[in-house]
Amino acid sequence: MDKTISFKLTAEDIKRYEKQIAKIDLNIERELLQKIPHKVEALLKYGKLSSIQLSLVLDISKLIAVLGNIPDLELSVRRMIIFALQYFYNPEDDIPDNVVGLGFLDDAILVRWIIDQVMVKYPEYFQA
């Protein structure tokens, strides 16, 4: 029996995030790409990562790779990725990062949702 718990965004969450994505300022990309490694390092300093945190770090790495490796990336996809990176970087998002055991759950769910959206348009960058 699989005891894996699956979390998904609600339709209401998706609509709210889509509105925020549409307003993303693409000019923050460079600054975010400089800040994200520091956030990841801080997360790693906590010690052993949970499976959720580990998946989050791997997914963040994938999104950064897509930004760096696809020169003609669609603007809508670029906005989604920048939104996901900004959400991860913000410690005071829907569930603040300092909430023990849950602080990165919302980040992981949102980032995974963005990965799934990007995979539809660029599946070749996510194959093993």
N, C-alpha and C. Protein backbone atom coordinates (compact mmCIF):
# COMPACT_ATOMS: atom_id res chain seq x y z
N MET A 1 0.84 -1.17 0.00
CA MET A 1 0.00 0.00 0.00
C MET A 1 0.89 1.25 0.00
N ASP A 2 0.63 2.17 -0.91
CA ASP A 2 1.40 3.40 -1.01
C ASP A 2 0.90 4.40 0.02
N LYS A 3 1.79 4.84 0.90
CA LYS A 3 1.42 5.80 1.93
C LYS A 3 1.83 7.22 1.55
N THR A 4 2.19 7.44 0.31
CA THR A 4 2.59 8.76 -0.14
C THR A 4 1.39 9.70 -0.11
N ILE A 5 1.60 10.85 0.46
CA ILE A 5 0.56 11.87 0.49
C ILE A 5 0.79 12.81 -0.68
N SER A 6 -0.26 13.07 -1.42
CA SER A 6 -0.15 13.95 -2.57
C SER A 6 -0.86 15.27 -2.27
N PHE A 7 -0.16 16.36 -2.49
CA PHE A 7 -0.73 17.68 -2.29
C PHE A 7 -0.88 18.35 -3.63
N LYS A 8 -1.97 19.07 -3.80
CA LYS A 8 -2.20 19.79 -5.04
C LYS A 8 -2.77 21.16 -4.74
N LEU A 9 -2.57 22.06 -5.67
CA LEU A 9 -3.16 23.39 -5.56
C LEU A 9 -4.64 23.31 -5.85
N THR A 10 -5.40 24.15 -5.20
CA THR A 10 -6.83 24.23 -5.49
C THR A 10 -7.02 25.09 -6.74
N ALA A 11 -8.19 25.02 -7.34
CA ALA A 11 -8.49 25.85 -8.50
C ALA A 11 -8.40 27.33 -8.12
N GLU A 12 -8.80 27.65 -6.91
CA GLU A 12 -8.72 29.03 -6.42
C GLU A 12 -7.26 29.48 -6.32
N ASP A 13 -6.40 28.61 -5.79
CA ASP A 13 -4.97 28.93 -5.70
C ASP A 13 -4.39 29.16 -7.09
N ILE A 14 -4.72 28.29 -8.02
CA ILE A 14 -4.19 28.40 -9.38
C ILE A 14 -4.59 29.74 -10.00
N LYS A 15 -5.84 30.13 -9.85
CA LYS A 15 -6.29 31.41 -10.40
C LYS A 15 -5.52 32.58 -9.78
N ARG A 16 -5.34 32.51 -8.46
CA ARG A 16 -4.62 33.57 -7.75
C ARG A 16 -3.17 33.64 -8.23
N TYR A 17 -2.52 32.48 -8.35
CA TYR A 17 -1.13 32.46 -8.80
C TYR A 17 -1.00 32.90 -10.26
N GLU A 18 -1.94 32.51 -11.09
CA GLU A 18 -1.89 32.92 -12.50
C GLU A 18 -1.97 34.44 -12.63
N LYS A 19 -2.77 35.08 -11.79
CA LYS A 19 -2.84 36.55 -11.79
C LYS A 19 -1.51 37.15 -11.37
N GLN A 20 -0.87 36.55 -10.39
CA GLN A 20 0.43 37.04 -9.92
C GLN A 20 1.50 36.82 -10.97
N ILE A 21 1.45 35.68 -11.65
CA ILE A 21 2.41 35.38 -12.70
C ILE A 21 2.31 36.41 -13.82
N ALA A 22 1.10 36.79 -14.19
CA ALA A 22 0.90 37.76 -15.27
C ALA A 22 1.53 39.11 -14.94
N LYS A 23 1.70 39.41 -13.66
CA LYS A 23 2.25 40.69 -13.23
C LYS A 23 3.75 40.65 -12.94
N ILE A 24 4.37 39.50 -13.12
CA ILE A 24 5.80 39.36 -12.80
C ILE A 24 6.65 40.29 -13.65
N ASP A 25 7.56 40.98 -12.99
CA ASP A 25 8.52 41.85 -13.65
C ASP A 25 9.72 41.00 -14.06
N LEU A 26 9.91 40.84 -15.35
CA LEU A 26 11.01 40.01 -15.85
C LEU A 26 12.38 40.57 -15.50
N ASN A 27 12.44 41.83 -15.13
CA ASN A 27 13.72 42.45 -14.79
C ASN A 27 14.30 41.97 -13.47
N ILE A 28 13.55 41.19 -12.69
CA ILE A 28 14.07 40.68 -11.42
C ILE A 28 14.84 39.37 -11.59
N GLU A 29 14.85 38.84 -12.80
CA GLU A 29 15.47 37.53 -13.04
C GLU A 29 16.93 37.48 -12.58
N ARG A 30 17.73 38.39 -13.01
CA ARG A 30 19.16 38.36 -12.69
C ARG A 30 19.38 38.42 -11.16
N GLU A 31 18.68 39.31 -10.50
CA GLU A 31 18.83 39.43 -9.05
C GLU A 31 18.40 38.14 -8.34
N LEU A 32 17.29 37.56 -8.77
CA LEU A 32 16.83 36.30 -8.18
C LEU A 32 17.85 35.19 -8.37
N LEU A 33 18.41 35.10 -9.57
CA LEU A 33 19.38 34.05 -9.85
C LEU A 33 20.64 34.20 -8.99
N GLN A 34 20.93 35.40 -8.55
CA GLN A 34 22.06 35.61 -7.65
C GLN A 34 21.70 35.25 -6.21
N LYS A 35 20.44 35.45 -5.84
CA LYS A 35 20.00 35.22 -4.46
C LYS A 35 19.63 33.77 -4.15
N ILE A 36 19.11 33.07 -5.13
CA ILE A 36 18.61 31.71 -4.90
C ILE A 36 19.67 30.77 -4.31
N PRO A 37 20.91 30.77 -4.82
CA PRO A 37 21.91 29.86 -4.21
C PRO A 37 22.09 30.09 -2.71
N HIS A 38 21.99 31.33 -2.26
CA HIS A 38 22.12 31.63 -0.83
C HIS A 38 20.96 31.05 -0.04
N LYS A 39 19.77 31.09 -0.62
CA LYS A 39 18.59 30.52 0.04
C LYS A 39 18.74 28.99 0.13
N VAL A 40 19.21 28.38 -0.94
CA VAL A 40 19.43 26.92 -0.94
C VAL A 40 20.49 26.55 0.10
N GLU A 41 21.58 27.30 0.14
CA GLU A 41 22.63 27.04 1.13
C GLU A 41 22.08 27.15 2.55
N ALA A 42 21.26 28.15 2.81
CA ALA A 42 20.66 28.31 4.14
C ALA A 42 19.78 27.12 4.48
N LEU A 43 19.03 26.64 3.51
CA LEU A 43 18.19 25.47 3.72
C LEU A 43 19.04 24.24 4.04
N LEU A 44 20.13 24.09 3.33
CA LEU A 44 21.02 22.94 3.55
C LEU A 44 21.68 22.97 4.92
N LYS A 45 21.86 24.14 5.48
CA LYS A 45 22.50 24.29 6.79
C LYS A 45 21.63 23.75 7.92
N TYR A 46 20.32 23.61 7.67
CA TYR A 46 19.43 23.08 8.70
C TYR A 46 19.74 21.62 9.02
N GLY A 47 20.50 20.98 8.18
CA GLY A 47 20.81 19.57 8.39
C GLY A 47 20.13 18.71 7.35
N LYS A 48 19.75 17.53 7.76
CA LYS A 48 19.12 16.58 6.85
C LYS A 48 17.81 17.15 6.30
N LEU A 49 17.70 17.14 4.99
CA LEU A 49 16.49 17.64 4.35
C LEU A 49 15.40 16.59 4.36
N SER A 50 14.18 17.04 4.52
CA SER A 50 13.04 16.13 4.37
C SER A 50 12.91 15.80 2.88
N SER A 51 12.11 14.80 2.55
CA SER A 51 11.91 14.46 1.14
C SER A 51 11.27 15.62 0.39
N ILE A 52 10.42 16.37 1.05
CA ILE A 52 9.78 17.53 0.42
C ILE A 52 10.82 18.60 0.12
N GLN A 53 11.69 18.88 1.09
CA GLN A 53 12.73 19.89 0.89
C GLN A 53 13.72 19.46 -0.19
N LEU A 54 14.07 18.19 -0.20
CA LEU A 54 14.99 17.68 -1.22
C LEU A 54 14.38 17.82 -2.61
N SER A 55 13.13 17.44 -2.75
CA SER A 55 12.44 17.59 -4.05
C SER A 55 12.38 19.05 -4.46
N LEU A 56 12.14 19.92 -3.50
CA LEU A 56 12.08 21.35 -3.79
C LEU A 56 13.41 21.86 -4.32
N VAL A 57 14.50 21.50 -3.68
CA VAL A 57 15.82 21.94 -4.12
C VAL A 57 16.11 21.41 -5.53
N LEU A 58 15.78 20.17 -5.79
CA LEU A 58 16.00 19.60 -7.13
C LEU A 58 15.14 20.31 -8.17
N ASP A 59 13.89 20.59 -7.83
CA ASP A 59 13.00 21.28 -8.78
C ASP A 59 13.46 22.71 -9.04
N ILE A 60 13.93 23.40 -8.01
CA ILE A 60 14.46 24.75 -8.19
C ILE A 60 15.65 24.69 -9.15
N SER A 61 16.51 23.71 -8.98
CA SER A 61 17.67 23.54 -9.87
C SER A 61 17.23 23.32 -11.31
N LYS A 62 16.18 22.54 -11.50
CA LYS A 62 15.67 22.29 -12.85
C LYS A 62 15.16 23.58 -13.48
N LEU A 63 14.45 24.38 -12.71
CA LEU A 63 13.91 25.63 -13.26
C LEU A 63 15.03 26.59 -13.64
N ILE A 64 16.06 26.67 -12.80
CA ILE A 64 17.20 27.52 -13.12
C ILE A 64 17.90 27.03 -14.38
N ALA A 65 18.00 25.72 -14.53
CA ALA A 65 18.62 25.14 -15.73
C ALA A 65 17.81 25.49 -16.98
N VAL A 66 16.50 25.44 -16.90
CA VAL A 66 15.66 25.79 -18.05
C VAL A 66 15.90 27.25 -18.42
N LEU A 67 15.94 28.14 -17.42
CA LEU A 67 16.19 29.56 -17.72
C LEU A 67 17.53 29.74 -18.43
N GLY A 68 18.53 29.01 -17.99
CA GLY A 68 19.87 29.17 -18.56
C GLY A 68 20.11 28.45 -19.87
N ASN A 69 19.31 27.43 -20.16
CA ASN A 69 19.60 26.58 -21.31
C ASN A 69 18.67 26.75 -22.50
N ILE A 70 17.62 27.53 -22.33
CA ILE A 70 16.70 27.74 -23.45
C ILE A 70 16.69 29.23 -23.80
N PRO A 71 17.49 29.62 -24.76
CA PRO A 71 17.61 31.04 -25.09
C PRO A 71 16.31 31.67 -25.60
N ASP A 72 15.50 30.90 -26.30
CA ASP A 72 14.26 31.44 -26.86
C ASP A 72 13.04 31.01 -26.04
N LEU A 73 13.21 30.94 -24.74
CA LEU A 73 12.15 30.54 -23.82
C LEU A 73 10.95 31.48 -23.95
N GLU A 74 9.77 30.91 -24.09
CA GLU A 74 8.56 31.72 -24.19
C GLU A 74 8.44 32.63 -22.98
N LEU A 75 7.98 33.86 -23.20
CA LEU A 75 7.85 34.81 -22.09
C LEU A 75 6.90 34.31 -21.01
N SER A 76 5.85 33.64 -21.40
CA SER A 76 4.90 33.13 -20.40
C SER A 76 5.57 32.10 -19.49
N VAL A 77 6.43 31.27 -20.07
CA VAL A 77 7.15 30.26 -19.29
C VAL A 77 8.20 30.95 -18.42
N ARG A 78 8.89 31.92 -18.97
CA ARG A 78 9.88 32.67 -18.18
C ARG A 78 9.20 33.31 -16.97
N ARG A 79 8.03 33.89 -17.18
CA ARG A 79 7.30 34.51 -16.06
C ARG A 79 6.94 33.47 -14.99
N MET A 80 6.49 32.30 -15.43
CA MET A 80 6.15 31.25 -14.47
C MET A 80 7.36 30.85 -13.64
N ILE A 81 8.49 30.68 -14.32
CA ILE A 81 9.70 30.25 -13.61
C ILE A 81 10.16 31.33 -12.64
N ILE A 82 10.17 32.56 -13.08
CA ILE A 82 10.59 33.65 -12.20
C ILE A 82 9.65 33.77 -11.01
N PHE A 83 8.35 33.58 -11.26
CA PHE A 83 7.39 33.59 -10.15
C PHE A 83 7.72 32.49 -9.14
N ALA A 84 7.99 31.29 -9.63
CA ALA A 84 8.31 30.17 -8.74
C ALA A 84 9.58 30.45 -7.93
N LEU A 85 10.59 31.00 -8.58
CA LEU A 85 11.84 31.32 -7.89
C LEU A 85 11.62 32.42 -6.84
N GLN A 86 10.82 33.41 -7.21
CA GLN A 86 10.52 34.49 -6.28
C GLN A 86 9.73 33.95 -5.08
N TYR A 87 8.78 33.08 -5.33
CA TYR A 87 7.99 32.49 -4.26
C TYR A 87 8.89 31.70 -3.32
N PHE A 88 9.78 30.90 -3.87
CA PHE A 88 10.72 30.13 -3.06
C PHE A 88 11.61 31.07 -2.23
N TYR A 89 12.07 32.14 -2.84
CA TYR A 89 12.99 33.05 -2.15
C TYR A 89 12.30 33.80 -1.01
N ASN A 90 11.02 34.08 -1.15
CA ASN A 90 10.28 34.85 -0.14
C ASN A 90 10.00 33.99 1.09
N PRO A 91 10.58 34.33 2.25
CA PRO A 91 10.35 33.51 3.45
C PRO A 91 8.95 33.70 4.04
N GLU A 92 8.25 34.75 3.64
CA GLU A 92 6.93 35.04 4.18
C GLU A 92 5.84 34.81 3.14
N ASP A 93 5.86 33.65 2.50
CA ASP A 93 4.84 33.33 1.51
C ASP A 93 3.61 32.75 2.22
N ASP A 94 2.82 31.96 1.54
CA ASP A 94 1.56 31.46 2.13
C ASP A 94 1.78 30.73 3.45
N ILE A 95 2.81 29.90 3.53
CA ILE A 95 3.21 29.27 4.79
C ILE A 95 4.64 29.74 5.03
N PRO A 96 4.85 30.62 6.01
CA PRO A 96 6.20 31.13 6.24
C PRO A 96 7.22 30.00 6.42
N ASP A 97 8.40 30.21 5.89
CA ASP A 97 9.44 29.19 5.90
C ASP A 97 9.84 28.75 7.30
N ASN A 98 9.64 29.60 8.29
CA ASN A 98 10.07 29.26 9.65
C ASN A 98 9.05 28.40 10.41
N VAL A 99 7.96 28.01 9.77
CA VAL A 99 6.99 27.10 10.39
C VAL A 99 7.59 25.69 10.29
N VAL A 100 8.01 25.18 11.41
CA VAL A 100 8.72 23.90 11.46
C VAL A 100 7.88 22.78 10.84
N GLY A 101 8.51 22.06 9.92
CA GLY A 101 7.87 20.91 9.30
C GLY A 101 6.94 21.23 8.14
N LEU A 102 6.48 22.47 8.05
CA LEU A 102 5.53 22.83 6.99
C LEU A 102 5.98 24.01 6.14
N GLY A 103 6.99 24.73 6.60
CA GLY A 103 7.37 25.99 5.97
C GLY A 103 7.71 25.94 4.51
N PHE A 104 8.18 24.80 4.04
CA PHE A 104 8.54 24.69 2.62
C PHE A 104 7.55 23.85 1.82
N LEU A 105 6.49 23.39 2.47
CA LEU A 105 5.49 22.58 1.78
C LEU A 105 4.82 23.36 0.66
N ASP A 106 4.39 24.58 0.95
CA ASP A 106 3.73 25.38 -0.08
C ASP A 106 4.69 25.70 -1.23
N ASP A 107 5.96 25.96 -0.89
CA ASP A 107 6.96 26.21 -1.92
C ASP A 107 7.09 25.00 -2.85
N ALA A 108 7.19 23.83 -2.23
CA ALA A 108 7.36 22.59 -3.01
C ALA A 108 6.16 22.33 -3.92
N ILE A 109 4.97 22.57 -3.40
CA ILE A 109 3.76 22.34 -4.20
C ILE A 109 3.69 23.32 -5.36
N LEU A 110 3.96 24.59 -5.09
CA LEU A 110 3.89 25.60 -6.14
C LEU A 110 4.98 25.36 -7.19
N VAL A 111 6.19 25.09 -6.75
CA VAL A 111 7.29 24.87 -7.69
C VAL A 111 7.01 23.62 -8.54
N ARG A 112 6.48 22.57 -7.94
CA ARG A 112 6.13 21.36 -8.70
C ARG A 112 5.06 21.67 -9.73
N TRP A 113 4.08 22.49 -9.39
CA TRP A 113 3.03 22.89 -10.33
C TRP A 113 3.67 23.62 -11.52
N ILE A 114 4.60 24.51 -11.26
CA ILE A 114 5.28 25.23 -12.34
C ILE A 114 6.10 24.26 -13.19
N ILE A 115 6.82 23.34 -12.55
CA ILE A 115 7.58 22.32 -13.30
C ILE A 115 6.64 21.57 -14.24
N ASP A 116 5.51 21.16 -13.74
CA ASP A 116 4.54 20.42 -14.57
C ASP A 116 4.10 21.25 -15.77
N GLN A 117 3.90 22.56 -15.56
CA GLN A 117 3.48 23.43 -16.66
C GLN A 117 4.59 23.58 -17.70
N VAL A 118 5.82 23.73 -17.22
CA VAL A 118 6.97 23.89 -18.12
C VAL A 118 7.22 22.60 -18.90
N MET A 119 7.04 21.46 -18.24
CA MET A 119 7.26 20.17 -18.90
C MET A 119 6.36 19.97 -20.11
N VAL A 120 5.17 20.54 -20.05
CA VAL A 120 4.24 20.43 -21.18
C VAL A 120 4.84 21.09 -22.42
N LYS A 121 5.49 22.23 -22.23
CA LYS A 121 6.03 22.98 -23.37
C LYS A 121 7.45 22.55 -23.75
N TYR A 122 8.22 22.07 -22.77
CA TYR A 122 9.62 21.71 -23.01
C TYR A 122 9.94 20.35 -22.38
N PRO A 123 9.29 19.29 -22.81
CA PRO A 123 9.49 17.98 -22.16
C PRO A 123 10.93 17.45 -22.30
N GLU A 124 11.62 17.84 -23.36
CA GLU A 124 12.96 17.32 -23.58
C GLU A 124 13.95 17.74 -22.50
N TYR A 125 13.65 18.77 -21.74
CA TYR A 125 14.54 19.22 -20.68
C TYR A 125 14.31 18.51 -19.34
N PHE A 126 13.34 17.60 -19.33
CA PHE A 126 13.01 16.93 -18.08
C PHE A 126 13.08 15.41 -18.19
N GLN A 127 13.61 14.92 -19.31
CA GLN A 127 13.75 13.48 -19.47
C GLN A 127 15.01 13.00 -18.79
N ALA A 128 14.95 11.81 -18.23
CA ALA A 128 16.10 11.24 -17.51
C ALA A 128 17.20 10.86 -18.44
